[in-house]
Amino acid sequence: MADRWLGVVVSGDKVILVDAEVDGDKPLVLQSDQTWTLQSGSRSEAYGTMSQQIADYVRENSIKRVVMKESAVSGGAATRVIAKFW
């Protein structure tokens, strides 16, 4: 049986979501590809709101796994990319 996975990337003021069915070795079946815009104002509040919107999407669409690309700048060094799996 296929599971729904959600990929999330934040870039600037945009959040890109890719929702796909994953079923073993079979090809992915794309369910949705969306770009959402962060609200203006406080970045912290915008991330809080977006987090709730993503949680609602996950619940409403029976998503089993979320993969989020995270970028962090550390002390002037090049950007380090970490993939998080839940």
PDB file of N, CA and C in Angstrom:
ATOM      1  N   MET A   1       0.834  -1.181   0.000  1.00  0.00           N
ATOM      2  CA  MET A   1       0.000   0.000   0.000  1.00  0.00           C
ATOM      3  C   MET A   1       0.879   1.246   0.000  1.00  0.00           C
ATOM      4  N   ALA A   2       0.510   2.218  -0.782  1.00  0.00           N
ATOM      5  CA  ALA A   2       1.284   3.452  -0.912  1.00  0.00           C
ATOM      6  C   ALA A   2       1.090   4.354   0.303  1.00  0.00           C
ATOM      7  N   ASP A   3       2.167   5.023   0.715  1.00  0.00           N
ATOM      8  CA  ASP A   3       2.124   6.043   1.757  1.00  0.00           C
ATOM      9  C   ASP A   3       2.275   7.400   1.099  1.00  0.00           C
ATOM     10  N   ARG A   4       1.693   8.422   1.719  1.00  0.00           N
ATOM     11  CA  ARG A   4       1.861   9.791   1.236  1.00  0.00           C
ATOM     12  C   ARG A   4       3.036  10.415   1.970  1.00  0.00           C
ATOM     13  N   TRP A   5       3.948  11.016   1.208  1.00  0.00           N
ATOM     14  CA  TRP A   5       5.094  11.746   1.743  1.00  0.00           C
ATOM     15  C   TRP A   5       4.984  13.199   1.298  1.00  0.00           C
ATOM     16  N   LEU A   6       5.486  14.112   2.135  1.00  0.00           N
ATOM     17  CA  LEU A   6       5.478  15.532   1.810  1.00  0.00           C
ATOM     18  C   LEU A   6       6.904  16.060   1.909  1.00  0.00           C
ATOM     19  N   GLY A   7       7.390  16.679   0.833  1.00  0.00           N
ATOM     20  CA  GLY A   7       8.685  17.349   0.821  1.00  0.00           C
ATOM     21  C   GLY A   7       8.457  18.839   0.990  1.00  0.00           C
ATOM     22  N   VAL A   8       9.247  19.488   1.848  1.00  0.00           N
ATOM     23  CA  VAL A   8       9.082  20.919   2.128  1.00  0.00           C
ATOM     24  C   VAL A   8      10.433  21.616   2.004  1.00  0.00           C
ATOM     25  N   VAL A   9      10.454  22.739   1.257  1.00  0.00           N
ATOM     26  CA  VAL A   9      11.654  23.568   1.125  1.00  0.00           C
ATOM     27  C   VAL A   9      11.242  25.017   1.368  1.00  0.00           C
ATOM     28  N   VAL A  10      11.980  25.707   2.238  1.00  0.00           N
ATOM     29  CA  VAL A  10      11.749  27.133   2.485  1.00  0.00           C
ATOM     30  C   VAL A  10      12.861  27.903   1.806  1.00  0.00           C
ATOM     31  N   SER A  11      12.487  28.887   0.999  1.00  0.00           N
ATOM     32  CA  SER A  11      13.470  29.709   0.302  1.00  0.00           C
ATOM     33  C   SER A  11      12.960  31.146   0.266  1.00  0.00           C
ATOM     34  N   GLY A  12      13.642  32.022   0.996  1.00  0.00           N
ATOM     35  CA  GLY A  12      13.193  33.410   1.062  1.00  0.00           C
ATOM     36  C   GLY A  12      11.840  33.485   1.741  1.00  0.00           C
ATOM     37  N   ASP A  13      10.850  34.050   1.053  1.00  0.00           N
ATOM     38  CA  ASP A  13       9.504  34.152   1.625  1.00  0.00           C
ATOM     39  C   ASP A  13       8.551  33.115   1.028  1.00  0.00           C
ATOM     40  N   LYS A  14       9.092  32.089   0.393  1.00  0.00           N
ATOM     41  CA  LYS A  14       8.285  31.043  -0.236  1.00  0.00           C
ATOM     42  C   LYS A  14       8.512  29.696   0.457  1.00  0.00           C
ATOM     43  N   VAL A  15       7.457  28.894   0.503  1.00  0.00           N
ATOM     44  CA  VAL A  15       7.523  27.527   1.009  1.00  0.00           C
ATOM     45  C   VAL A  15       6.997  26.633  -0.108  1.00  0.00           C
ATOM     46  N   ILE A  16       7.818  25.704  -0.554  1.00  0.00           N
ATOM     47  CA  ILE A  16       7.442  24.802  -1.644  1.00  0.00           C
ATOM     48  C   ILE A  16       7.115  23.439  -1.031  1.00  0.00           C
ATOM     49  N   LEU A  17       5.933  22.906  -1.380  1.00  0.00           N
ATOM     50  CA  LEU A  17       5.496  21.605  -0.891  1.00  0.00           C
ATOM     51  C   LEU A  17       5.283  20.672  -2.071  1.00  0.00           C
ATOM     52  N   VAL A  18       5.833  19.462  -1.964  1.00  0.00           N
ATOM     53  CA  VAL A  18       5.626  18.436  -2.980  1.00  0.00           C
ATOM     54  C   VAL A  18       5.066  17.213  -2.258  1.00  0.00           C
ATOM     55  N   ASP A  19       3.865  16.812  -2.634  1.00  0.00           N
ATOM     56  CA  ASP A  19       3.134  15.711  -2.012  1.00  0.00           C
ATOM     57  C   ASP A  19       3.121  14.548  -3.007  1.00  0.00           C
ATOM     58  N   ALA A  20       3.624  13.387  -2.572  1.00  0.00           N
ATOM     59  CA  ALA A  20       3.707  12.239  -3.480  1.00  0.00           C
ATOM     60  C   ALA A  20       3.336  10.952  -2.758  1.00  0.00           C
ATOM     61  N   GLU A  21       2.826   9.990  -3.538  1.00  0.00           N
ATOM     62  CA  GLU A  21       2.594   8.636  -3.032  1.00  0.00           C
ATOM     63  C   GLU A  21       3.870   7.833  -3.252  1.00  0.00           C
ATOM     64  N   VAL A  22       4.301   7.111  -2.211  1.00  0.00           N
ATOM     65  CA  VAL A  22       5.495   6.275  -2.286  1.00  0.00           C
ATOM     66  C   VAL A  22       5.051   4.841  -2.003  1.00  0.00           C
ATOM     67  N   ASP A  23       5.372   3.944  -2.932  1.00  0.00           N
ATOM     68  CA  ASP A  23       4.957   2.546  -2.799  1.00  0.00           C
ATOM     69  C   ASP A  23       6.116   1.632  -3.195  1.00  0.00           C
ATOM     70  N   GLY A  24       7.008   1.401  -2.228  1.00  0.00           N
ATOM     71  CA  GLY A  24       8.141   0.502  -2.459  1.00  0.00           C
ATOM     72  C   GLY A  24       9.000   0.929  -3.634  1.00  0.00           C
ATOM     73  N   ASP A  25       9.243  -0.004  -4.560  1.00  0.00           N
ATOM     74  CA  ASP A  25      10.089   0.257  -5.722  1.00  0.00           C
ATOM     75  C   ASP A  25       9.338   0.862  -6.904  1.00  0.00           C
ATOM     76  N   LYS A  26       8.045   1.067  -6.751  1.00  0.00           N
ATOM     77  CA  LYS A  26       7.253   1.646  -7.842  1.00  0.00           C
ATOM     78  C   LYS A  26       7.580   3.134  -7.986  1.00  0.00           C
ATOM     79  N   PRO A  27       7.338   3.708  -9.162  1.00  0.00           N
ATOM     80  CA  PRO A  27       7.581   5.142  -9.344  1.00  0.00           C
ATOM     81  C   PRO A  27       6.697   5.985  -8.419  1.00  0.00           C
ATOM     82  N   LEU A  28       7.214   7.135  -8.019  1.00  0.00           N
ATOM     83  CA  LEU A  28       6.419   8.072  -7.223  1.00  0.00           C
ATOM     84  C   LEU A  28       5.218   8.542  -8.023  1.00  0.00           C
ATOM     85  N   VAL A  29       4.119   8.786  -7.334  1.00  0.00           N
ATOM     86  CA  VAL A  29       2.933   9.352  -7.969  1.00  0.00           C
ATOM     87  C   VAL A  29       2.709  10.722  -7.338  1.00  0.00           C
ATOM     88  N   LEU A  30       2.935  11.778  -8.106  1.00  0.00           N
ATOM     89  CA  LEU A  30       2.795  13.146  -7.612  1.00  0.00           C
ATOM     90  C   LEU A  30       1.322  13.469  -7.369  1.00  0.00           C
ATOM     91  N   GLN A  31       1.008  13.903  -6.161  1.00  0.00           N
ATOM     92  CA  GLN A  31      -0.357  14.290  -5.804  1.00  0.00           C
ATOM     93  C   GLN A  31      -0.551  15.803  -5.874  1.00  0.00           C
ATOM     94  N   SER A  32       0.493  16.545  -5.518  1.00  0.00           N
ATOM     95  CA  SER A  32       0.367  17.999  -5.466  1.00  0.00           C
ATOM     96  C   SER A  32       1.751  18.634  -5.439  1.00  0.00           C
ATOM     97  N   ASP A  33       1.865  19.816  -6.032  1.00  0.00           N
ATOM     98  CA  ASP A  33       3.081  20.621  -6.019  1.00  0.00           C
ATOM     99  C   ASP A  33       2.609  22.060  -5.833  1.00  0.00           C
ATOM    100  N   GLN A  34       2.879  22.632  -4.655  1.00  0.00           N
ATOM    101  CA  GLN A  34       2.347  23.954  -4.333  1.00  0.00           C
ATOM    102  C   GLN A  34       3.444  24.875  -3.819  1.00  0.00           C
ATOM    103  N   THR A  35       3.256  26.174  -4.015  1.00  0.00           N
ATOM    104  CA  THR A  35       4.137  27.182  -3.434  1.00  0.00           C
ATOM    105  C   THR A  35       3.278  28.111  -2.594  1.00  0.00           C
ATOM    106  N   TRP A  36       3.616  28.204  -1.323  1.00  0.00           N
ATOM    107  CA  TRP A  36       2.908  29.089  -0.399  1.00  0.00           C
ATOM    108  C   TRP A  36       3.832  30.244  -0.037  1.00  0.00           C
ATOM    109  N   THR A  37       3.256  31.404   0.271  1.00  0.00           N
ATOM    110  CA  THR A  37       4.024  32.589   0.643  1.00  0.00           C
ATOM    111  C   THR A  37       3.928  32.821   2.144  1.00  0.00           C
ATOM    112  N   LEU A  38       5.081  33.075   2.778  1.00  0.00           N
ATOM    113  CA  LEU A  38       5.077  33.422   4.202  1.00  0.00           C
ATOM    114  C   LEU A  38       4.379  34.756   4.396  1.00  0.00           C
ATOM    115  N   GLN A  39       3.680  34.906   5.504  1.00  0.00           N
ATOM    116  CA  GLN A  39       3.030  36.181   5.787  1.00  0.00           C
ATOM    117  C   GLN A  39       4.090  37.247   6.046  1.00  0.00           C
ATOM    118  N   SER A  40       3.762  38.497   5.780  1.00  0.00           N
ATOM    119  CA  SER A  40       4.713  39.587   6.025  1.00  0.00           C
ATOM    120  C   SER A  40       4.748  39.918   7.515  1.00  0.00           C
ATOM    121  N   GLY A  41       5.764  40.660   7.924  1.00  0.00           N
ATOM    122  CA  GLY A  41       5.898  41.035   9.329  1.00  0.00           C
ATOM    123  C   GLY A  41       6.960  40.195  10.015  1.00  0.00           C
ATOM    124  N   SER A  42       6.705  39.876  11.268  1.00  0.00           N
ATOM    125  CA  SER A  42       7.654  39.118  12.080  1.00  0.00           C
ATOM    126  C   SER A  42       7.938  37.755  11.461  1.00  0.00           C
ATOM    127  N   ARG A  43       9.218  37.478  11.238  1.00  0.00           N
ATOM    128  CA  ARG A  43       9.627  36.194  10.647  1.00  0.00           C
ATOM    129  C   ARG A  43       9.228  35.038  11.567  1.00  0.00           C
ATOM    130  N   SER A  44       9.395  35.233  12.858  1.00  0.00           N
ATOM    131  CA  SER A  44       9.046  34.206  13.834  1.00  0.00           C
ATOM    132  C   SER A  44       7.558  33.866  13.770  1.00  0.00           C
ATOM    133  N   GLU A  45       6.724  34.875  13.726  1.00  0.00           N
ATOM    134  CA  GLU A  45       5.271  34.654  13.628  1.00  0.00           C
ATOM    135  C   GLU A  45       4.906  33.998  12.304  1.00  0.00           C
ATOM    136  N   ALA A  46       5.582  34.413  11.230  1.00  0.00           N
ATOM    137  CA  ALA A  46       5.309  33.837   9.904  1.00  0.00           C
ATOM    138  C   ALA A  46       5.637  32.348   9.895  1.00  0.00           C
ATOM    139  N   TYR A  47       6.766  31.971  10.506  1.00  0.00           N
ATOM    140  CA  TYR A  47       7.131  30.550  10.571  1.00  0.00           C
ATOM    141  C   TYR A  47       6.147  29.782  11.449  1.00  0.00           C
ATOM    142  N   GLY A  48       5.683  30.382  12.522  1.00  0.00           N
ATOM    143  CA  GLY A  48       4.693  29.741  13.389  1.00  0.00           C
ATOM    144  C   GLY A  48       3.397  29.459  12.649  1.00  0.00           C
ATOM    145  N   THR A  49       2.933  30.453  11.897  1.00  0.00           N
ATOM    146  CA  THR A  49       1.709  30.297  11.107  1.00  0.00           C
ATOM    147  C   THR A  49       1.897  29.235  10.037  1.00  0.00           C
ATOM    148  N   MET A  50       3.035  29.273   9.339  1.00  0.00           N
ATOM    149  CA  MET A  50       3.290  28.302   8.280  1.00  0.00           C
ATOM    150  C   MET A  50       3.385  26.889   8.852  1.00  0.00           C
ATOM    151  N   SER A  51       3.997  26.763  10.010  1.00  0.00           N
ATOM    152  CA  SER A  51       4.101  25.461  10.664  1.00  0.00           C
ATOM    153  C   SER A  51       2.712  24.875  10.913  1.00  0.00           C
ATOM    154  N   GLN A  52       1.784  25.709  11.371  1.00  0.00           N
ATOM    155  CA  GLN A  52       0.416  25.244  11.622  1.00  0.00           C
ATOM    156  C   GLN A  52      -0.283  24.871  10.311  1.00  0.00           C
ATOM    157  N   GLN A  53      -0.061  25.651   9.256  1.00  0.00           N
ATOM    158  CA  GLN A  53      -0.673  25.344   7.961  1.00  0.00           C
ATOM    159  C   GLN A  53      -0.154  24.015   7.417  1.00  0.00           C
ATOM    160  N   ILE A  54       1.140  23.768   7.577  1.00  0.00           N
ATOM    161  CA  ILE A  54       1.717  22.502   7.112  1.00  0.00           C
ATOM    162  C   ILE A  54       1.165  21.346   7.951  1.00  0.00           C
ATOM    163  N   ALA A  55       1.081  21.528   9.274  1.00  0.00           N
ATOM    164  CA  ALA A  55       0.529  20.483  10.145  1.00  0.00           C
ATOM    165  C   ALA A  55      -0.910  20.154   9.742  1.00  0.00           C
ATOM    166  N   ASP A  56      -1.699  21.170   9.418  1.00  0.00           N
ATOM    167  CA  ASP A  56      -3.082  20.950   8.969  1.00  0.00           C
ATOM    168  C   ASP A  56      -3.103  20.161   7.666  1.00  0.00           C
ATOM    169  N   TYR A  57      -2.229  20.517   6.727  1.00  0.00           N
ATOM    170  CA  TYR A  57      -2.152  19.826   5.440  1.00  0.00           C
ATOM    171  C   TYR A  57      -1.791  18.352   5.658  1.00  0.00           C
ATOM    172  N   VAL A  58      -0.811  18.108   6.530  1.00  0.00           N
ATOM    173  CA  VAL A  58      -0.374  16.739   6.826  1.00  0.00           C
ATOM    174  C   VAL A  58      -1.543  15.924   7.378  1.00  0.00           C
ATOM    175  N   ARG A  59      -2.263  16.488   8.320  1.00  0.00           N
ATOM    176  CA  ARG A  59      -3.386  15.791   8.944  1.00  0.00           C
ATOM    177  C   ARG A  59      -4.515  15.547   7.940  1.00  0.00           C
ATOM    178  N   GLU A  60      -4.887  16.565   7.182  1.00  0.00           N
ATOM    179  CA  GLU A  60      -6.006  16.469   6.240  1.00  0.00           C
ATOM    180  C   GLU A  60      -5.732  15.516   5.082  1.00  0.00           C
ATOM    181  N   ASN A  61      -4.451  15.305   4.742  1.00  0.00           N
ATOM    182  CA  ASN A  61      -4.100  14.474   3.591  1.00  0.00           C
ATOM    183  C   ASN A  61      -3.450  13.151   3.972  1.00  0.00           C
ATOM    184  N   SER A  62      -3.535  12.789   5.242  1.00  0.00           N
ATOM    185  CA  SER A  62      -3.000  11.511   5.748  1.00  0.00           C
ATOM    186  C   SER A  62      -1.547  11.281   5.329  1.00  0.00           C
ATOM    187  N   ILE A  63      -0.725  12.338   5.468  1.00  0.00           N
ATOM    188  CA  ILE A  63       0.696  12.244   5.149  1.00  0.00           C
ATOM    189  C   ILE A  63       1.369  11.381   6.209  1.00  0.00           C
ATOM    190  N   LYS A  64       2.187  10.411   5.772  1.00  0.00           N
ATOM    191  CA  LYS A  64       2.872   9.506   6.698  1.00  0.00           C
ATOM    192  C   LYS A  64       4.282   9.969   7.033  1.00  0.00           C
ATOM    193  N   ARG A  65       4.927  10.718   6.128  1.00  0.00           N
ATOM    194  CA  ARG A  65       6.310  11.135   6.357  1.00  0.00           C
ATOM    195  C   ARG A  65       6.511  12.526   5.743  1.00  0.00           C
ATOM    196  N   VAL A  66       7.289  13.354   6.447  1.00  0.00           N
ATOM    197  CA  VAL A  66       7.627  14.693   5.958  1.00  0.00           C
ATOM    198  C   VAL A  66       9.138  14.791   5.866  1.00  0.00           C
ATOM    199  N   VAL A  67       9.638  15.296   4.738  1.00  0.00           N
ATOM    200  CA  VAL A  67      11.058  15.541   4.538  1.00  0.00           C
ATOM    201  C   VAL A  67      11.207  17.043   4.329  1.00  0.00           C
ATOM    202  N   MET A  68      12.012  17.688   5.199  1.00  0.00           N
ATOM    203  CA  MET A  68      12.181  19.136   5.109  1.00  0.00           C
ATOM    204  C   MET A  68      13.647  19.460   4.886  1.00  0.00           C
ATOM    205  N   LYS A  69      13.912  20.263   3.870  1.00  0.00           N
ATOM    206  CA  LYS A  69      15.271  20.728   3.627  1.00  0.00           C
ATOM    207  C   LYS A  69      15.488  21.946   4.513  1.00  0.00           C
ATOM    208  N   GLU A  70      16.540  21.870   5.313  1.00  0.00           N
ATOM    209  CA  GLU A  70      16.854  22.947   6.236  1.00  0.00           C
ATOM    210  C   GLU A  70      18.223  23.514   5.881  1.00  0.00           C
ATOM    211  N   SER A  71      18.329  24.826   5.835  1.00  0.00           N
ATOM    212  CA  SER A  71      19.611  25.480   5.583  1.00  0.00           C
ATOM    213  C   SER A  71      19.958  26.340   6.779  1.00  0.00           C
ATOM    214  N   ALA A  72      21.227  26.343   7.138  1.00  0.00           N
ATOM    215  CA  ALA A  72      21.679  27.167   8.256  1.00  0.00           C
ATOM    216  C   ALA A  72      23.048  27.725   7.928  1.00  0.00           C
ATOM    217  N   VAL A  73      23.248  29.004   8.222  1.00  0.00           N
ATOM    218  CA  VAL A  73      24.548  29.635   8.035  1.00  0.00           C
ATOM    219  C   VAL A  73      25.268  29.582   9.367  1.00  0.00           C
ATOM    220  N   SER A  74      26.510  29.122   9.351  1.00  0.00           N
ATOM    221  CA  SER A  74      27.265  29.012  10.608  1.00  0.00           C
ATOM    222  C   SER A  74      28.525  29.870  10.554  1.00  0.00           C
ATOM    223  N   GLY A  75      28.503  30.976  11.283  1.00  0.00           N
ATOM    224  CA  GLY A  75      29.681  31.829  11.461  1.00  0.00           C
ATOM    225  C   GLY A  75      30.413  32.243  10.208  1.00  0.00           C
ATOM    226  N   GLY A  76      29.706  32.637   9.162  1.00  0.00           N
ATOM    227  CA  GLY A  76      30.346  33.103   7.944  1.00  0.00           C
ATOM    228  C   GLY A  76      30.794  31.986   7.019  1.00  0.00           C
ATOM    229  N   ALA A  77      30.632  30.745   7.429  1.00  0.00           N
ATOM    230  CA  ALA A  77      31.005  29.613   6.566  1.00  0.00           C
ATOM    231  C   ALA A  77      29.935  29.414   5.499  1.00  0.00           C
ATOM    232  N   ALA A  78      30.226  28.547   4.577  1.00  0.00           N
ATOM    233  CA  ALA A  78      29.252  28.247   3.526  1.00  0.00           C
ATOM    234  C   ALA A  78      27.992  27.658   4.152  1.00  0.00           C
ATOM    235  N   THR A  79      26.888  27.792   3.448  1.00  0.00           N
ATOM    236  CA  THR A  79      25.620  27.270   3.947  1.00  0.00           C
ATOM    237  C   THR A  79      25.688  25.757   4.064  1.00  0.00           C
ATOM    238  N   ARG A  80      25.202  25.261   5.165  1.00  0.00           N
ATOM    239  CA  ARG A  80      25.181  23.829   5.447  1.00  0.00           C
ATOM    240  C   ARG A  80      23.738  23.355   5.273  1.00  0.00           C
ATOM    241  N   VAL A  81      23.525  22.280   4.555  1.00  0.00           N
ATOM    242  CA  VAL A  81      22.179  21.774   4.296  1.00  0.00           C
ATOM    243  C   VAL A  81      21.974  20.472   5.049  1.00  0.00           C
ATOM    244  N   ILE A  82      20.858  20.401   5.736  1.00  0.00           N
ATOM    245  CA  ILE A  82      20.511  19.216   6.512  1.00  0.00           C
ATOM    246  C   ILE A  82      19.114  18.790   6.085  1.00  0.00           C
ATOM    247  N   ALA A  83      18.915  17.516   5.832  1.00  0.00           N
ATOM    248  CA  ALA A  83      17.576  16.998   5.538  1.00  0.00           C
ATOM    249  C   ALA A  83      17.020  16.400   6.819  1.00  0.00           C
ATOM    250  N   LYS A  84      15.812  16.776   7.167  1.00  0.00           N
ATOM    251  CA  LYS A  84      15.160  16.239   8.355  1.00  0.00           C
ATOM    252  C   LYS A  84      14.053  15.297   7.928  1.00  0.00           C
ATOM    253  N   PHE A  85      13.938  14.182   8.616  1.00  0.00           N
ATOM    254  CA  PHE A  85      12.896  13.210   8.337  1.00  0.00           C
ATOM    255  C   PHE A  85      12.053  13.026   9.597  1.00  0.00           C
ATOM    256  N   TRP A  86      10.746  13.056   9.451  1.00  0.00           N
ATOM    257  CA  TRP A  86       9.852  12.805  10.577  1.00  0.00           C
ATOM    258  C   TRP A  86       9.009  11.627  10.274  1.00  0.00           C
TER     259      TRP A  86
END
